[in-house]
C-alpha atoms as a PDB file:
ATOM      1  CA  UNK A   1     150.770  44.994  96.261  1.00  0.00           C
ATOM      2  CA  UNK A   2     149.673  41.543  95.065  1.00  0.00           C
ATOM      3  CA  UNK A   3     147.009  40.958  92.419  1.00  0.00           C
ATOM      4  CA  UNK A   4     144.899  39.331  95.163  1.00  0.00           C
ATOM      5  CA  UNK A   5     144.834  42.650  97.045  1.00  0.00           C
ATOM      6  CA  UNK A   6     142.945  44.309  94.174  1.00  0.00           C
ATOM      7  CA  UNK A   7     139.199  44.908  94.548  1.00  0.00           C
ATOM      8  CA  UNK A   8     138.337  43.599  91.064  1.00  0.00           C
ATOM      9  CA  UNK A   9     140.387  41.461  88.720  1.00  0.00           C
ATOM     10  CA  UNK A  10     139.783  40.677  85.071  1.00  0.00           C
ATOM     11  CA  UNK A  11     140.236  36.935  84.670  1.00  0.00           C
ATOM     12  CA  UNK A  12     140.833  35.699  81.166  1.00  0.00           C
ATOM     13  CA  UNK A  13     140.068  32.064  80.403  1.00  0.00           C
ATOM     14  CA  UNK A  14     140.534  30.272  77.109  1.00  0.00           C
ATOM     15  CA  UNK A  15     138.112  28.352  74.912  1.00  0.00           C
ATOM     16  CA  UNK A  16     139.090  25.062  73.286  1.00  0.00           C
ATOM     17  CA  UNK A  17     139.891  26.951  70.078  1.00  0.00           C
ATOM     18  CA  UNK A  18     142.203  29.317  72.000  1.00  0.00           C
ATOM     19  CA  UNK A  19     139.901  32.357  71.997  1.00  0.00           C
ATOM     20  CA  UNK A  20     140.220  34.460  75.159  1.00  0.00           C
ATOM     21  CA  UNK A  21     137.142  35.292  77.258  1.00  0.00           C
ATOM     22  CA  UNK A  22     137.432  37.853  80.071  1.00  0.00           C
ATOM     23  CA  UNK A  23     135.237  38.506  83.120  1.00  0.00           C
ATOM     24  CA  UNK A  24     135.658  40.776  86.160  1.00  0.00           C
ATOM     25  CA  UNK A  25     135.626  38.923  89.499  1.00  0.00           C
ATOM     26  CA  UNK A  26     136.201  39.592  93.176  1.00  0.00           C
ATOM     27  CA  UNK A  27     139.430  38.036  94.400  1.00  0.00           C
ATOM     28  CA  UNK A  28     140.852  37.306  97.835  1.00  0.00           C
ATOM     29  CA  UNK A  29     144.249  36.114  99.055  1.00  0.00           C
ATOM     30  CA  UNK A  30     144.352  32.688 100.709  1.00  0.00           C
ATOM     31  CA  UNK A  31     146.529  31.543 103.598  1.00  0.00           C
ATOM     32  CA  UNK A  32     148.732  29.307 101.447  1.00  0.00           C
ATOM     33  CA  UNK A  33     149.759  32.145  99.114  1.00  0.00           C
ATOM     34  CA  UNK A  34     147.227  31.335  96.424  1.00  0.00           C
ATOM     35  CA  UNK A  35     144.195  33.487  95.600  1.00  0.00           C
ATOM     36  CA  UNK A  36     140.586  32.628  94.939  1.00  0.00           C
ATOM     37  CA  UNK A  37     137.133  33.689  93.863  1.00  0.00           C
ATOM     38  CA  UNK A  38     133.667  32.164  93.870  1.00  0.00           C
ATOM     39  CA  UNK A  39     131.278  31.675  90.981  1.00  0.00           C
ATOM     40  CA  UNK A  40     128.448  29.408  89.892  1.00  0.00           C
ATOM     41  CA  UNK A  41     129.420  25.889  88.933  1.00  0.00           C
ATOM     42  CA  UNK A  42     128.464  25.439  85.304  1.00  0.00           C
ATOM     43  CA  UNK A  43     129.327  29.032  84.389  1.00  0.00           C
ATOM     44  CA  UNK A  44     131.284  29.562  81.203  1.00  0.00           C
ATOM     45  CA  UNK A  45     134.480  30.431  83.050  1.00  0.00           C
ATOM     46  CA  UNK A  46     134.282  27.230  85.119  1.00  0.00           C
ATOM     47  CA  UNK A  47     133.741  25.115  82.003  1.00  0.00           C
ATOM     48  CA  UNK A  48     136.720  26.758  80.324  1.00  0.00           C
ATOM     49  CA  UNK A  49     138.945  26.347  83.419  1.00  0.00           C
ATOM     50  CA  UNK A  50     138.073  22.649  83.631  1.00  0.00           C
ATOM     51  CA  UNK A  51     139.178  22.318  80.014  1.00  0.00           C
ATOM     52  CA  UNK A  52     142.286  24.525  80.296  1.00  0.00           C
ATOM     53  CA  UNK A  53     143.605  25.686  83.710  1.00  0.00           C
ATOM     54  CA  UNK A  54     145.744  28.480  82.215  1.00  0.00           C
ATOM     55  CA  UNK A  55     144.341  31.932  83.022  1.00  0.00           C
ATOM     56  CA  UNK A  56     145.571  35.503  83.116  1.00  0.00           C
ATOM     57  CA  UNK A  57     144.659  38.170  85.666  1.00  0.00           C
ATOM     58  CA  UNK A  58     144.751  41.941  85.487  1.00  0.00           C
ATOM     59  CA  UNK A  59     143.447  44.645  87.869  1.00  0.00           C
ATOM     60  CA  UNK A  60     140.221  46.197  86.594  1.00  0.00           C
ATOM     61  CA  UNK A  61     137.094  48.175  87.474  1.00  0.00           C
ATOM     62  CA  UNK A  62     133.758  46.615  88.420  1.00  0.00           C
ATOM     63  CA  UNK A  63     132.830  46.783  84.721  1.00  0.00           C
ATOM     64  CA  UNK A  64     136.005  45.029  83.605  1.00  0.00           C
ATOM     65  CA  UNK A  65     137.927  48.063  82.363  1.00  0.00           C
ATOM     66  CA  UNK A  66     141.601  47.223  82.826  1.00  0.00           C
ATOM     67  CA  UNK A  67     143.626  49.620  84.993  1.00  0.00           C
ATOM     68  CA  UNK A  68     145.940  51.654  82.782  1.00  0.00           C
ATOM     69  CA  UNK A  69     149.516  50.417  82.911  1.00  0.00           C
ATOM     70  CA  UNK A  70     148.732  47.305  84.963  1.00  0.00           C
ATOM     71  CA  UNK A  71     150.646  44.103  84.374  1.00  0.00           C
ATOM     72  CA  UNK A  72     149.125  40.821  83.218  1.00  0.00           C
ATOM     73  CA  UNK A  73     149.650  38.020  85.751  1.00  0.00           C
ATOM     74  CA  UNK A  74     149.761  34.395  84.572  1.00  0.00           C
ATOM     75  CA  UNK A  75     148.103  31.807  86.809  1.00  0.00           C
ATOM     76  CA  UNK A  76     146.844  28.262  86.930  1.00  0.00           C
ATOM     77  CA  UNK A  77     143.252  27.709  88.084  1.00  0.00           C
ATOM     78  CA  UNK A  78     141.517  24.805  89.817  1.00  0.00           C
ATOM     79  CA  UNK A  79     137.805  24.431  90.586  1.00  0.00           C
ATOM     80  CA  UNK A  80     136.769  23.326  94.095  1.00  0.00           C
ATOM     81  CA  UNK A  81     133.338  22.184  95.285  1.00  0.00           C
ATOM     82  CA  UNK A  82     131.697  21.540  98.641  1.00  0.00           C
ATOM     83  CA  UNK A  83     133.784  21.733 101.801  1.00  0.00           C
ATOM     84  CA  UNK A  84     136.970  22.221  99.763  1.00  0.00           C
ATOM     85  CA  UNK A  85     135.590  25.565  98.587  1.00  0.00           C
ATOM     86  CA  UNK A  86     134.860  26.890 102.099  1.00  0.00           C
ATOM     87  CA  UNK A  87     138.230  28.625 102.705  1.00  0.00           C
ATOM     88  CA  UNK A  88     137.704  30.640  99.511  1.00  0.00           C
ATOM     89  CA  UNK A  89     134.121  31.513 100.485  1.00  0.00           C
ATOM     90  CA  UNK A  90     135.367  32.640 103.898  1.00  0.00           C
ATOM     91  CA  UNK A  91     138.132  34.778 102.363  1.00  0.00           C
ATOM     92  CA  UNK A  92     135.690  36.453  99.954  1.00  0.00           C
ATOM     93  CA  UNK A  93     133.183  37.050 102.790  1.00  0.00           C
ATOM     94  CA  UNK A  94     135.943  38.623 104.882  1.00  0.00           C
ATOM     95  CA  UNK A  95     137.173  40.948 102.151  1.00  0.00           C
ATOM     96  CA  UNK A  96     133.767  41.904 100.691  1.00  0.00           C
ATOM     97  CA  UNK A  97     131.545  41.597 103.786  1.00  0.00           C
ATOM     98  CA  UNK A  98     128.976  44.274 102.882  1.00  0.00           C
ATOM     99  CA  UNK A  99     128.613  43.111  99.280  1.00  0.00           C
ATOM    100  CA  UNK A 100     128.309  39.477 100.364  1.00  0.00           C
ATOM    101  CA  UNK A 101     125.482  40.473 102.737  1.00  0.00           C
ATOM    102  CA  UNK A 102     123.702  42.221  99.867  1.00  0.00           C
ATOM    103  CA  UNK A 103     124.042  39.107  97.721  1.00  0.00           C
ATOM    104  CA  UNK A 104     122.484  37.066 100.542  1.00  0.00           C
ATOM    105  CA  UNK A 105     119.412  39.311 100.322  1.00  0.00           C
ATOM    106  CA  UNK A 106     119.256  38.378  96.651  1.00  0.00           C
ATOM    107  CA  UNK A 107     119.477  34.703  97.592  1.00  0.00           C
ATOM    108  CA  UNK A 108     116.555  35.160  99.970  1.00  0.00           C
ATOM    109  CA  UNK A 109     114.528  36.720  97.152  1.00  0.00           C
ATOM    110  CA  UNK A 110     115.410  33.729  94.937  1.00  0.00           C
ATOM    111  CA  UNK A 111     114.114  31.349  97.636  1.00  0.00           C
ATOM    112  CA  UNK A 112     110.889  33.341  98.024  1.00  0.00           C
ATOM    113  CA  UNK A 113     110.362  33.061  94.266  1.00  0.00           C
ATOM    114  CA  UNK A 114     111.174  29.319  94.527  1.00  0.00           C
ATOM    115  CA  UNK A 115     113.968  29.501  92.026  1.00  0.00           C
ATOM    116  CA  UNK A 116     116.542  26.712  92.230  1.00  0.00           C
ATOM    117  CA  UNK A 117     119.639  27.587  94.217  1.00  0.00           C
ATOM    118  CA  UNK A 118     122.770  27.577  92.057  1.00  0.00           C
ATOM    119  CA  UNK A 119     125.737  25.429  93.018  1.00  0.00           C
ATOM    120  CA  UNK A 120     128.516  27.804  94.039  1.00  0.00           C
ATOM    121  CA  UNK A 121     132.082  26.683  93.552  1.00  0.00           C
ATOM    122  CA  UNK A 122     135.441  28.231  94.266  1.00  0.00           C
ATOM    123  CA  UNK A 123     138.320  28.766  91.900  1.00  0.00           C
ATOM    124  CA  UNK A 124     141.810  28.707  93.396  1.00  0.00           C
ATOM    125  CA  UNK A 125     144.526  30.529  91.488  1.00  0.00           C
ATOM    126  CA  UNK A 126     148.174  29.596  91.745  1.00  0.00           C
ATOM    127  CA  UNK A 127     149.960  32.743  90.672  1.00  0.00           C
ATOM    128  CA  UNK A 128     152.887  32.200  88.438  1.00  0.00           C
END
């Protein structure tokens, strides 16, 4: 089983000073053998990835609790915007269809409240 087959993955990114910061994310395999997830552009993890593409991945729970005995996977990350991000969005929507639909309800609520729509980007992970 590949790390991209997991339901949740703890991604660890690194600050400029080398400190590790971890966040649980959804992950989906991509056709070219890479993996990806979506997040808001401007989020802390995106800022850190733009500064340092080295990340680690580990299977986890929805709350970020690492699965006992799971291996740490090294990867390189790249941020994609616009049409380049669509294959990742499609892969996430395919793997997490019900949850994605629930998030769309939240987006509708944001529009009703006239909150600005966040820019969603994709992060592609080359597993190493």
